[in-house]
């Protein structure tokens, strides 16, 4: 398992698993204990297709340690709204 700059796991999602959700525990950046959040593959709002639809996605929960928030870091560029 690979960790991001905040010591939390980087989610690896293979293309065959793009429709699944995964639960991760991350370190709470502002207190004791762990945070639990879910992550799933990200789709483009413009095309409706998954990013890297023939490969895989890497997703870091970012500084807030929660997946699915605006500070997540990906191995692809998410278009701005």
Protein backbone atom coordinates (compact mmCIF):
# COMPACT_ATOMS: atom_id res chain seq x y z
CA UNK A 1 0.00 0.00 0.00
CA UNK A 2 1.34 3.42 -0.96
CA UNK A 3 0.92 6.48 1.26
CA UNK A 4 0.43 10.13 0.32
CA UNK A 5 2.27 13.14 1.82
CA UNK A 6 -0.05 13.05 4.86
CA UNK A 7 0.63 9.37 5.63
CA UNK A 8 -2.71 8.15 4.31
CA UNK A 9 -3.32 5.39 1.76
CA UNK A 10 -3.55 6.21 -1.92
CA UNK A 11 -6.56 4.46 -3.42
CA UNK A 12 -5.74 2.34 -6.48
CA UNK A 13 -8.83 1.57 -8.56
CA UNK A 14 -8.44 -0.77 -11.54
CA UNK A 15 -10.78 -0.16 -14.48
CA UNK A 16 -12.68 -3.38 -13.79
CA UNK A 17 -13.59 -1.95 -10.35
CA UNK A 18 -14.76 1.50 -11.47
CA UNK A 19 -18.36 0.83 -10.43
CA UNK A 20 -17.42 -0.28 -6.89
CA UNK A 21 -17.00 1.77 -3.70
CA UNK A 22 -14.08 1.24 -1.33
CA UNK A 23 -13.79 2.19 2.35
CA UNK A 24 -10.57 3.58 3.76
CA UNK A 25 -9.35 4.61 7.19
CA UNK A 26 -7.17 7.72 7.27
CA UNK A 27 -5.38 9.64 10.01
CA UNK A 28 -7.43 12.50 11.45
CA UNK A 29 -5.36 15.65 10.70
CA UNK A 30 -6.95 17.68 13.54
CA UNK A 31 -7.25 15.17 16.34
CA UNK A 32 -6.90 11.66 17.60
CA UNK A 33 -8.29 8.59 15.93
CA UNK A 34 -9.05 7.66 12.39
CA UNK A 35 -11.51 8.91 9.79
CA UNK A 36 -13.49 6.55 7.59
CA UNK A 37 -14.56 7.56 4.11
CA UNK A 38 -15.51 5.94 0.83
CA UNK A 39 -13.92 6.41 -2.56
CA UNK A 40 -14.96 5.39 -6.03
CA UNK A 41 -13.66 6.04 -9.53
CA UNK A 42 -14.28 9.54 -10.85
CA UNK A 43 -16.21 10.37 -14.03
CA UNK A 44 -15.84 13.42 -16.23
CA UNK A 45 -18.80 15.77 -15.87
CA UNK A 46 -18.33 16.82 -19.51
CA UNK A 47 -18.30 13.36 -21.12
CA UNK A 48 -19.80 11.07 -18.49
CA UNK A 49 -16.89 8.65 -19.00
CA UNK A 50 -14.52 7.52 -16.29
CA UNK A 51 -11.14 9.20 -16.32
CA UNK A 52 -8.49 6.72 -17.56
CA UNK A 53 -11.31 4.41 -18.60
CA UNK A 54 -8.90 1.80 -19.99
CA UNK A 55 -6.33 1.93 -17.18
CA UNK A 56 -6.63 2.79 -13.48
CA UNK A 57 -7.14 5.73 -11.14
CA UNK A 58 -4.98 6.78 -8.19
CA UNK A 59 -6.69 8.99 -5.63
CA UNK A 60 -5.30 10.64 -2.49
CA UNK A 61 -7.73 11.96 0.12
CA UNK A 62 -5.63 15.15 0.28
CA UNK A 63 -4.91 17.31 3.34
CA UNK A 64 -8.36 16.88 4.95
CA UNK A 65 -7.90 13.06 4.90
CA UNK A 66 -11.42 12.50 3.53
CA UNK A 67 -12.09 10.97 0.13
CA UNK A 68 -14.68 12.64 -2.07
CA UNK A 69 -13.89 16.25 -1.14
CA UNK A 70 -12.50 19.08 -3.26
CA UNK A 71 -8.92 18.66 -2.04
CA UNK A 72 -8.55 15.08 -3.35
CA UNK A 73 -5.51 14.54 -5.58
CA UNK A 74 -5.78 12.34 -8.70
CA UNK A 75 -3.55 10.95 -11.43
CA UNK A 76 -5.70 12.88 -13.91
CA UNK A 77 -6.92 16.45 -14.30
CA UNK A 78 -10.49 17.02 -13.10
CA UNK A 79 -12.15 19.80 -15.07
CA UNK A 80 -13.29 22.87 -13.16
CA UNK A 81 -17.00 23.53 -12.83
